[in-house]
Amino acid sequence: MMNTLELLLKLPKTISLNSLYAGKHWTYRKRIKDEYKKIVESELARFDHHTAESMSIVIRYHTRADVDNLVLVSKFTADTLVANGWIPDDSPKYYHKLTIVYDPTVEKNYCEVEIKLINAVLCQQSTN
């Protein structure tokens, strides 16, 4: 039987894909990613840590960005989930679906990121 755990993160807009790669040095791109990763980790800290077999993400956003420029929210979120052990990898085997939708009911300049974890298992909590 398949169970689904849903996490809802409120994340600020990030730099657009166009701006990130417009003649920028790799160290600049890494700094932007690392800063956003800290924001994602802070949001994830509100939830008990789980591991999952796979996931999908729905991003609802309210910014002036074109829909395709919101892909960095997905990329940075998925990379953070992998780096922190929520899913094994962000390849198609584990990351099944991405949906990005403009939604003016979301707070301006923010994204609501719904992560659906498939067959999630609670990780043992440290007693330190």
Protein backbone atom coordinates (compact mmCIF):
# COMPACT_ATOMS: atom_id res chain seq x y z
CA MET A 1 0.00 0.00 0.00
CA MET A 2 1.31 3.43 -0.95
CA ASN A 3 1.14 6.29 1.53
CA THR A 4 1.73 9.94 0.78
CA LEU A 5 3.09 12.59 3.12
CA GLU A 6 2.51 16.18 2.05
CA LEU A 7 4.77 19.03 3.15
CA LEU A 8 3.88 22.66 2.41
CA LEU A 9 6.79 25.09 2.35
CA LYS A 10 6.54 28.85 2.00
CA LEU A 11 9.60 30.01 0.10
CA PRO A 12 10.57 33.44 -1.19
CA LYS A 13 11.11 33.99 -4.87
CA THR A 14 14.62 33.26 -6.02
CA ILE A 15 16.74 34.70 -8.77
CA SER A 16 15.46 33.95 -12.23
CA LEU A 17 17.12 31.31 -14.33
CA ASN A 18 18.00 34.00 -16.87
CA SER A 19 19.75 36.15 -14.25
CA LEU A 20 21.60 33.26 -12.65
CA TYR A 21 23.30 32.27 -15.89
CA ALA A 22 23.75 35.69 -17.52
CA GLY A 23 27.54 35.70 -17.61
CA LYS A 24 27.84 34.85 -13.91
CA HIS A 25 30.82 33.06 -12.43
CA TRP A 26 30.15 29.59 -10.95
CA THR A 27 31.01 30.89 -7.45
CA TYR A 28 28.15 33.40 -7.71
CA ARG A 29 25.74 30.62 -8.72
CA LYS A 30 26.95 28.44 -5.84
CA ARG A 31 26.47 31.26 -3.32
CA ILE A 32 22.89 31.87 -4.51
CA LYS A 33 22.11 28.13 -4.31
CA ASP A 34 23.66 27.78 -0.84
CA GLU A 35 21.68 30.77 0.47
CA TYR A 36 18.41 29.37 -0.86
CA LYS A 37 19.26 25.90 0.47
CA LYS A 38 19.40 27.39 3.99
CA ILE A 39 15.91 28.82 3.52
CA VAL A 40 14.58 25.44 2.34
CA GLU A 41 16.28 23.67 5.27
CA SER A 42 14.66 26.13 7.68
CA GLU A 43 11.23 25.33 6.25
CA LEU A 44 11.90 21.58 6.33
CA ALA A 45 12.91 21.84 10.00
CA ARG A 46 9.23 22.45 10.83
CA PHE A 47 8.51 18.81 9.94
CA ASP A 48 9.63 15.46 11.32
CA HIS A 49 12.37 14.10 9.09
CA HIS A 50 11.29 11.32 6.74
CA THR A 51 12.84 9.33 3.95
CA ALA A 52 10.75 8.54 0.90
CA GLU A 53 10.83 6.28 -2.13
CA SER A 54 9.91 9.12 -4.46
CA MET A 55 8.32 12.54 -4.67
CA SER A 56 6.54 15.13 -6.73
CA ILE A 57 6.44 18.90 -6.32
CA VAL A 58 3.74 21.47 -7.03
CA ILE A 59 4.83 25.12 -6.95
CA ARG A 60 2.20 27.82 -6.74
CA TYR A 61 3.73 31.27 -7.07
CA HIS A 62 2.93 34.97 -7.16
CA THR A 63 5.84 36.87 -8.66
CA ARG A 64 6.42 38.75 -11.89
CA ALA A 65 8.68 35.97 -13.16
CA ASP A 66 7.84 33.88 -16.18
CA VAL A 67 6.69 30.40 -15.21
CA ASP A 68 9.82 28.79 -16.66
CA ASN A 69 12.04 30.99 -14.48
CA LEU A 70 10.54 29.40 -11.36
CA VAL A 71 12.30 26.11 -12.11
CA LEU A 72 15.13 27.15 -9.76
CA VAL A 73 12.73 26.89 -6.81
CA SER A 74 12.24 23.25 -7.79
CA LYS A 75 15.93 22.65 -8.44
CA PHE A 76 17.11 24.15 -5.16
CA THR A 77 14.33 22.40 -3.20
CA ALA A 78 15.01 18.99 -4.76
CA ASP A 79 18.77 19.35 -4.25
CA THR A 80 18.17 20.22 -0.59
CA LEU A 81 15.90 17.21 -0.12
CA VAL A 82 18.60 14.95 -1.58
CA ALA A 83 21.43 16.54 0.40
CA ASN A 84 19.48 16.12 3.64
CA GLY A 85 18.42 12.52 3.01
CA TRP A 86 14.70 12.97 2.36
CA ILE A 87 14.98 11.23 -1.04
CA PRO A 88 17.87 9.20 -2.51
CA ASP A 89 18.29 11.28 -5.68
CA ASP A 90 16.47 13.78 -7.88
CA SER A 91 16.62 11.61 -10.99
CA PRO A 92 13.38 10.53 -12.72
CA LYS A 93 13.41 7.31 -10.71
CA TYR A 94 12.71 9.33 -7.53
CA TYR A 95 11.41 12.72 -8.70
CA HIS A 96 8.31 11.94 -10.76
CA LYS A 97 6.52 15.18 -11.42
CA LEU A 98 6.88 18.96 -11.28
CA THR A 99 3.98 21.37 -11.67
CA ILE A 100 4.42 25.15 -11.63
CA VAL A 101 1.32 27.34 -11.54
CA TYR A 102 0.88 31.09 -11.25
CA ASP A 103 -1.55 31.81 -8.40
CA PRO A 104 -2.35 35.39 -7.36
CA THR A 105 -3.79 34.13 -4.05
CA VAL A 106 -0.24 33.27 -2.89
CA GLU A 107 1.52 36.04 -0.98
CA LYS A 108 3.31 38.38 -3.41
CA ASN A 109 6.94 37.43 -4.12
CA TYR A 110 6.51 33.98 -2.54
CA CYS A 111 6.02 30.41 -3.61
CA GLU A 112 4.00 27.73 -1.89
CA VAL A 113 5.85 24.49 -2.53
CA GLU A 114 3.88 21.31 -1.93
CA ILE A 115 6.11 18.27 -1.71
CA LYS A 116 4.40 14.89 -1.93
CA LEU A 117 6.59 12.17 -0.48
CA ILE A 118 5.59 8.68 -1.59
CA ASN A 119 5.99 5.84 0.93
CA ALA A 120 7.60 8.13 3.47
CA VAL A 121 9.12 6.59 6.59
CA LEU A 122 9.84 8.56 9.74
CA CYS A 123 13.55 8.70 10.55
CA GLN A 124 14.62 7.86 14.07
CA GLN A 125 15.10 10.99 16.11
CA SER A 126 18.34 11.54 17.96
CA THR A 127 18.00 11.66 21.76
CA ASN A 128 21.08 13.87 22.26
